Amino acid sequence: MAFKGGEAFDGDKLLYILALHLKKNGRLTKNTVAGTLMSNYGLEKSLEKEGITLLRSDVGDRNVSELMRREGLALGGEQSGHIVLSEYARTGDGLLTSVIVTGVCQKEKADLRTLAAGCERYPQILLSVPHPEPQTAVRDERLTEKVDFFAKELGNSGRINVRASGTEPKVRIMVEGENEVIIKTIAESLAELIR
């Protein structure tokens, strides 16, 4: 979804808006939302401030739907915009999401920007590093030790995810944090080690 003036509203912001609305109306099961490994850390922190937990699944709306089913959740989605509202459907539906979000705007008498104002967004660096054996690369002890070291350095101010691509011979690196310079340095260091 895009806001007048070109501001993009990705799945993270839509999840935030819907989670707060469902919680306010007593319909957010367990006060918990399903996201993925790619859901922005800022979303997680913003939801925490509202008393809402974010559970993470592997990437893919199928994985989100499975996590929702297993945990009995009402809401889940991906940063890419796949939103699942189990009260209405078991899979993501863009038209349904648009209708529901529009309804939330009307009920709250507020626009998207206002409803998403509390959703922080941490800088996120995404790198895809070609590797002939990505599964082997992500299990390499030197890489896992380096990831652990950097994760401790970031503490509660960021997070790291390194995984083998499910579609290409590549290793996907995602680093998020409050300081863009630091996370970029971490991502490049991990990419160099993989190369």
C-alpha atoms as a PDB file:
ATOM      1  CA  MET A   1       0.000   0.000   0.000  1.00  0.00           C
ATOM      2  CA  ALA A   2       1.173   3.521  -0.692  1.00  0.00           C
ATOM      3  CA  PHE A   3       0.143   6.707   1.042  1.00  0.00           C
ATOM      4  CA  LYS A   4      -0.603   9.945  -0.773  1.00  0.00           C
ATOM      5  CA  GLY A   5       2.793  11.485  -1.411  1.00  0.00           C
ATOM      6  CA  GLY A   6       4.458   8.138  -2.130  1.00  0.00           C
ATOM      7  CA  GLU A   7       5.153   6.839   1.384  1.00  0.00           C
ATOM      8  CA  ALA A   8       5.152   3.039   1.275  1.00  0.00           C
ATOM      9  CA  PHE A   9       3.216   1.038   3.825  1.00  0.00           C
ATOM     10  CA  ASP A  10       4.737  -2.414   3.835  1.00  0.00           C
ATOM     11  CA  GLY A  11       3.424  -5.482   5.619  1.00  0.00           C
ATOM     12  CA  ASP A  12       5.151  -4.522   8.871  1.00  0.00           C
ATOM     13  CA  LYS A  13       3.233  -1.271   9.158  1.00  0.00           C
ATOM     14  CA  LEU A  14      -0.016  -2.968   8.179  1.00  0.00           C
ATOM     15  CA  LEU A  15       0.581  -5.661  10.823  1.00  0.00           C
ATOM     16  CA  TYR A  16       1.153  -2.928  13.409  1.00  0.00           C
ATOM     17  CA  ILE A  17      -2.083  -1.109  12.504  1.00  0.00           C
ATOM     18  CA  LEU A  18      -4.126  -4.317  12.477  1.00  0.00           C
ATOM     19  CA  ALA A  19      -2.566  -5.689  15.682  1.00  0.00           C
ATOM     20  CA  LEU A  20      -3.407  -2.545  17.651  1.00  0.00           C
ATOM     21  CA  HIS A  21      -6.939  -2.471  16.266  1.00  0.00           C
ATOM     22  CA  LEU A  22      -7.587  -6.159  16.994  1.00  0.00           C
ATOM     23  CA  LYS A  23      -6.148  -5.826  20.510  1.00  0.00           C
ATOM     24  CA  LYS A  24      -8.280  -2.757  21.220  1.00  0.00           C
ATOM     25  CA  ASN A  25     -11.357  -4.757  20.206  1.00  0.00           C
ATOM     26  CA  GLY A  26     -10.417  -7.918  22.130  1.00  0.00           C
ATOM     27  CA  ARG A  27      -9.810  -9.957  18.978  1.00  0.00           C
ATOM     28  CA  LEU A  28      -6.025 -10.361  19.024  1.00  0.00           C
ATOM     29  CA  THR A  29      -5.537 -13.935  20.189  1.00  0.00           C
ATOM     30  CA  LYS A  30      -2.944 -14.226  22.990  1.00  0.00           C
ATOM     31  CA  ASN A  31      -1.948 -10.602  22.211  1.00  0.00           C
ATOM     32  CA  THR A  32       0.425 -12.183  19.707  1.00  0.00           C
ATOM     33  CA  VAL A  33       1.178 -11.649  16.020  1.00  0.00           C
ATOM     34  CA  ALA A  34       2.999 -13.978  13.608  1.00  0.00           C
ATOM     35  CA  GLY A  35       5.757 -12.473  11.466  1.00  0.00           C
ATOM     36  CA  THR A  36       8.847 -13.857   9.771  1.00  0.00           C
ATOM     37  CA  LEU A  37      12.583 -13.747  10.221  1.00  0.00           C
ATOM     38  CA  MET A  38      12.490 -10.696   7.922  1.00  0.00           C
ATOM     39  CA  SER A  39       9.967  -8.704   9.983  1.00  0.00           C
ATOM     40  CA  ASN A  40      11.713  -5.499  11.019  1.00  0.00           C
ATOM     41  CA  TYR A  41      13.120  -5.379  14.547  1.00  0.00           C
ATOM     42  CA  GLY A  42      11.481  -1.977  14.942  1.00  0.00           C
ATOM     43  CA  LEU A  43       8.083  -3.643  14.474  1.00  0.00           C
ATOM     44  CA  GLU A  44       8.892  -6.121  17.245  1.00  0.00           C
ATOM     45  CA  LYS A  45       9.954  -3.331  19.629  1.00  0.00           C
ATOM     46  CA  SER A  46       6.922  -1.186  18.735  1.00  0.00           C
ATOM     47  CA  LEU A  47       4.528  -4.073  19.361  1.00  0.00           C
ATOM     48  CA  GLU A  48       6.256  -4.837  22.683  1.00  0.00           C
ATOM     49  CA  LYS A  49       5.480  -1.281  23.824  1.00  0.00           C
ATOM     50  CA  GLU A  50       1.805  -2.055  23.190  1.00  0.00           C
ATOM     51  CA  GLY A  51       1.901  -5.350  25.110  1.00  0.00           C
ATOM     52  CA  ILE A  52       1.925  -7.446  21.939  1.00  0.00           C
ATOM     53  CA  THR A  53       4.333 -10.310  21.209  1.00  0.00           C
ATOM     54  CA  LEU A  54       5.778 -10.997  17.747  1.00  0.00           C
ATOM     55  CA  LEU A  55       6.516 -14.648  16.949  1.00  0.00           C
ATOM     56  CA  ARG A  56       8.727 -15.347  13.937  1.00  0.00           C
ATOM     57  CA  SER A  57       8.486 -18.097  11.347  1.00  0.00           C
ATOM     58  CA  ASP A  58      10.682 -18.878   8.374  1.00  0.00           C
ATOM     59  CA  VAL A  59      10.114 -16.661   5.331  1.00  0.00           C
ATOM     60  CA  GLY A  60       6.961 -17.374   3.314  1.00  0.00           C
ATOM     61  CA  ASP A  61       3.271 -16.821   3.917  1.00  0.00           C
ATOM     62  CA  ARG A  62       2.818 -20.606   4.068  1.00  0.00           C
ATOM     63  CA  ASN A  63       5.138 -20.648   7.104  1.00  0.00           C
ATOM     64  CA  VAL A  64       3.301 -17.706   8.668  1.00  0.00           C
ATOM     65  CA  SER A  65      -0.032 -19.471   8.175  1.00  0.00           C
ATOM     66  CA  GLU A  66       1.365 -22.657   9.733  1.00  0.00           C
ATOM     67  CA  LEU A  67       2.669 -20.765  12.772  1.00  0.00           C
ATOM     68  CA  MET A  68      -0.714 -19.040  13.138  1.00  0.00           C
ATOM     69  CA  ARG A  69      -2.554 -22.367  12.945  1.00  0.00           C
ATOM     70  CA  ARG A  70      -0.219 -24.039  15.420  1.00  0.00           C
ATOM     71  CA  GLU A  71      -0.448 -21.148  17.927  1.00  0.00           C
ATOM     72  CA  GLY A  72      -4.108 -20.319  17.291  1.00  0.00           C
ATOM     73  CA  LEU A  73      -3.366 -16.730  16.194  1.00  0.00           C
ATOM     74  CA  ALA A  74      -5.690 -14.255  14.511  1.00  0.00           C
ATOM     75  CA  LEU A  75      -3.075 -12.164  12.668  1.00  0.00           C
ATOM     76  CA  GLY A  76       0.172 -12.708  10.827  1.00  0.00           C
ATOM     77  CA  GLY A  77       2.074 -11.527   7.818  1.00  0.00           C
ATOM     78  CA  GLU A  78       5.240 -10.689   5.986  1.00  0.00           C
ATOM     79  CA  GLN A  79       7.107  -7.471   5.317  1.00  0.00           C
ATOM     80  CA  SER A  80       6.357  -8.083   1.624  1.00  0.00           C
ATOM     81  CA  GLY A  81       2.686  -7.399   2.311  1.00  0.00           C
ATOM     82  CA  HIS A  82       1.181 -10.872   2.637  1.00  0.00           C
ATOM     83  CA  ILE A  83      -1.235 -10.399   5.549  1.00  0.00           C
ATOM     84  CA  VAL A  84      -3.233 -13.312   6.969  1.00  0.00           C
ATOM     85  CA  LEU A  85      -6.369 -12.638   9.012  1.00  0.00           C
ATOM     86  CA  SER A  86      -7.484 -16.086  10.175  1.00  0.00           C
ATOM     87  CA  GLU A  87     -10.963 -14.839  11.064  1.00  0.00           C
ATOM     88  CA  TYR A  88     -11.582 -14.404   7.326  1.00  0.00           C
ATOM     89  CA  ALA A  89      -9.082 -16.588   5.427  1.00  0.00           C
ATOM     90  CA  ARG A  90      -6.223 -19.042   5.907  1.00  0.00           C
ATOM     91  CA  THR A  91      -3.955 -17.360   3.370  1.00  0.00           C
ATOM     92  CA  GLY A  92      -2.955 -13.812   2.507  1.00  0.00           C
ATOM     93  CA  ASP A  93      -5.391 -11.837   0.393  1.00  0.00           C
ATOM     94  CA  GLY A  94      -4.412  -8.353  -0.754  1.00  0.00           C
ATOM     95  CA  LEU A  95      -7.958  -7.207  -1.518  1.00  0.00           C
ATOM     96  CA  LEU A  96      -9.255  -8.457   1.824  1.00  0.00           C
ATOM     97  CA  THR A  97      -6.392  -6.729   3.641  1.00  0.00           C
ATOM     98  CA  SER A  98      -7.125  -3.469   1.810  1.00  0.00           C
ATOM     99  CA  VAL A  99     -10.799  -3.624   2.760  1.00  0.00           C
ATOM    100  CA  ILE A 100     -10.046  -4.417   6.411  1.00  0.00           C
ATOM    101  CA  VAL A 101      -7.380  -1.690   6.724  1.00  0.00           C
ATOM    102  CA  THR A 102      -9.711   0.836   5.076  1.00  0.00           C
ATOM    103  CA  GLY A 103     -12.375  -0.161   7.609  1.00  0.00           C
ATOM    104  CA  VAL A 104      -9.899   0.374  10.458  1.00  0.00           C
ATOM    105  CA  CYS A 105      -9.131   3.869   9.130  1.00  0.00           C
ATOM    106  CA  GLN A 106     -12.853   4.674   9.069  1.00  0.00           C
ATOM    107  CA  LYS A 107     -13.532   3.267  12.554  1.00  0.00           C
ATOM    108  CA  GLU A 108     -10.539   5.053  14.058  1.00  0.00           C
ATOM    109  CA  LYS A 109     -11.232   8.228  12.044  1.00  0.00           C
ATOM    110  CA  ALA A 110      -7.547   8.382  11.152  1.00  0.00           C
ATOM    111  CA  ASP A 111      -5.352   7.948   8.093  1.00  0.00           C
ATOM    112  CA  LEU A 112      -2.669   5.290   7.606  1.00  0.00           C
ATOM    113  CA  ARG A 113       0.167   7.613   8.565  1.00  0.00           C
ATOM    114  CA  THR A 114      -1.493   8.452  11.887  1.00  0.00           C
ATOM    115  CA  LEU A 115      -2.321   4.813  12.675  1.00  0.00           C
ATOM    116  CA  ALA A 116       1.233   3.661  11.899  1.00  0.00           C
ATOM    117  CA  ALA A 117       2.973   6.557  13.664  1.00  0.00           C
ATOM    118  CA  GLY A 118       4.079   4.372  16.597  1.00  0.00           C
ATOM    119  CA  CYS A 119       5.688   1.738  14.371  1.00  0.00           C
ATOM    120  CA  GLU A 120       9.437   2.232  14.442  1.00  0.00           C
ATOM    121  CA  ARG A 121      11.559   1.091  11.547  1.00  0.00           C
ATOM    122  CA  TYR A 122      15.173   0.118  12.168  1.00  0.00           C
ATOM    123  CA  PRO A 123      17.685   0.398   9.347  1.00  0.00           C
ATOM    124  CA  GLN A 124      18.005  -2.992   7.652  1.00  0.00           C
ATOM    125  CA  ILE A 125      20.857  -4.200   5.448  1.00  0.00           C
ATOM    126  CA  LEU A 126      20.084  -7.126   3.134  1.00  0.00           C
ATOM    127  CA  LEU A 127      22.845  -8.862   1.187  1.00  0.00           C
ATOM    128  CA  SER A 128      22.743 -11.930  -1.068  1.00  0.00           C
ATOM    129  CA  VAL A 129      26.139 -13.577  -1.327  1.00  0.00           C
ATOM    130  CA  PRO A 130      26.639 -16.176  -4.093  1.00  0.00           C
ATOM    131  CA  HIS A 131      27.971 -19.477  -2.783  1.00  0.00           C
ATOM    132  CA  PRO A 132      28.035 -22.917  -4.485  1.00  0.00           C
ATOM    133  CA  GLU A 133      26.910 -24.661  -1.260  1.00  0.00           C
ATOM    134  CA  PRO A 134      24.861 -22.196   0.810  1.00  0.00           C
ATOM    135  CA  GLN A 135      23.665 -24.839   3.325  1.00  0.00           C
ATOM    136  CA  THR A 136      27.259 -25.753   4.100  1.00  0.00           C
ATOM    137  CA  ALA A 137      28.302 -22.108   4.289  1.00  0.00           C
ATOM    138  CA  VAL A 138      25.706 -21.166   6.924  1.00  0.00           C
ATOM    139  CA  ARG A 139      26.831 -24.068   9.154  1.00  0.00           C
ATOM    140  CA  ASP A 140      30.511 -23.118   8.932  1.00  0.00           C
ATOM    141  CA  GLU A 141      31.874 -22.722  12.479  1.00  0.00           C
ATOM    142  CA  ARG A 142      33.813 -19.547  11.661  1.00  0.00           C
ATOM    143  CA  LEU A 143      30.638 -17.910  10.359  1.00  0.00           C
ATOM    144  CA  THR A 144      28.449 -19.002  13.278  1.00  0.00           C
ATOM    145  CA  GLU A 145      31.060 -17.750  15.773  1.00  0.00           C
ATOM    146  CA  LYS A 146      31.235 -14.395  13.984  1.00  0.00           C
ATOM    147  CA  VAL A 147      27.435 -14.096  13.922  1.00  0.00           C
ATOM    148  CA  ASP A 148      27.305 -14.872  17.661  1.00  0.00           C
ATOM    149  CA  PHE A 149      30.017 -12.290  18.362  1.00  0.00           C
ATOM    150  CA  PHE A 150      28.235  -9.541  16.409  1.00  0.00           C
ATOM    151  CA  ALA A 151      24.848 -10.464  17.907  1.00  0.00           C
ATOM    152  CA  LYS A 152      26.296  -9.968  21.400  1.00  0.00           C
ATOM    153  CA  GLU A 153      27.766  -6.638  20.312  1.00  0.00           C
ATOM    154  CA  LEU A 154      24.360  -5.470  19.051  1.00  0.00           C
ATOM    155  CA  GLY A 155      22.555  -6.679  22.164  1.00  0.00           C
ATOM    156  CA  ASN A 156      18.987  -5.346  22.277  1.00  0.00           C
ATOM    157  CA  SER A 157      19.711  -2.665  19.691  1.00  0.00           C
ATOM    158  CA  GLY A 158      19.579  -4.984  16.669  1.00  0.00           C
ATOM    159  CA  ARG A 159      19.619  -8.491  15.287  1.00  0.00           C
ATOM    160  CA  ILE A 160      21.272 -10.672  12.650  1.00  0.00           C
ATOM    161  CA  ASN A 161      19.880 -13.415  10.441  1.00  0.00           C
ATOM    162  CA  VAL A 162      22.049 -15.483   8.094  1.00  0.00           C
ATOM    163  CA  ARG A 163      20.329 -18.214   6.082  1.00  0.00           C
ATOM    164  CA  ALA A 164      20.707 -20.259   2.931  1.00  0.00           C
ATOM    165  CA  SER A 165      18.419 -19.113   0.131  1.00  0.00           C
ATOM    166  CA  GLY A 166      15.660 -21.538  -0.651  1.00  0.00           C
ATOM    167  CA  THR A 167      15.614 -20.548  -4.323  1.00  0.00           C
ATOM    168  CA  GLU A 168      19.180 -19.663  -5.368  1.00  0.00           C
ATOM    169  CA  PRO A 169      22.759 -20.743  -4.610  1.00  0.00           C
ATOM    170  CA  LYS A 170      23.195 -17.785  -2.252  1.00  0.00           C
ATOM    171  CA  VAL A 171      23.499 -16.971   1.420  1.00  0.00           C
ATOM    172  CA  ARG A 172      21.110 -14.255   2.604  1.00  0.00           C
ATOM    173  CA  ILE A 173      22.382 -11.846   5.234  1.00  0.00           C
ATOM    174  CA  MET A 174      20.091  -9.504   7.118  1.00  0.00           C
ATOM    175  CA  VAL A 175      21.382  -7.146   9.797  1.00  0.00           C
ATOM    176  CA  GLU A 176      19.170  -4.629  11.587  1.00  0.00           C
ATOM    177  CA  GLY A 177      19.973  -2.065  14.220  1.00  0.00           C
ATOM    178  CA  GLU A 178      19.700   1.464  15.421  1.00  0.00           C
ATOM    179  CA  ASN A 179      23.021   2.524  13.877  1.00  0.00           C
ATOM    180  CA  GLU A 180      23.164   2.103  10.095  1.00  0.00           C
ATOM    181  CA  VAL A 181      26.958   2.473   9.902  1.00  0.00           C
ATOM    182  CA  ILE A 182      27.496  -0.339  12.411  1.00  0.00           C
ATOM    183  CA  ILE A 183      25.035  -2.742  10.790  1.00  0.00           C
ATOM    184  CA  LYS A 184      26.487  -2.103   7.337  1.00  0.00           C
ATOM    185  CA  THR A 185      29.977  -2.891   8.659  1.00  0.00           C
ATOM    186  CA  ILE A 186      28.694  -6.113  10.265  1.00  0.00           C
ATOM    187  CA  ALA A 187      26.878  -7.209   7.094  1.00  0.00           C
ATOM    188  CA  GLU A 188      29.937  -6.580   4.914  1.00  0.00           C
ATOM    189  CA  SER A 189      32.187  -8.442   7.354  1.00  0.00           C
ATOM    190  CA  LEU A 190      29.890 -11.488   7.267  1.00  0.00           C
ATOM    191  CA  ALA A 191      29.619 -11.325   3.465  1.00  0.00           C
ATOM    192  CA  GLU A 192      33.402 -11.230   3.137  1.00  0.00           C
ATOM    193  CA  LEU A 193      33.746 -14.290   5.364  1.00  0.00           C
ATOM    194  CA  ILE A 194      31.201 -16.187   3.237  1.00  0.00           C
ATOM    195  CA  ARG A 195      32.999 -15.235   0.015  1.00  0.00           C
END
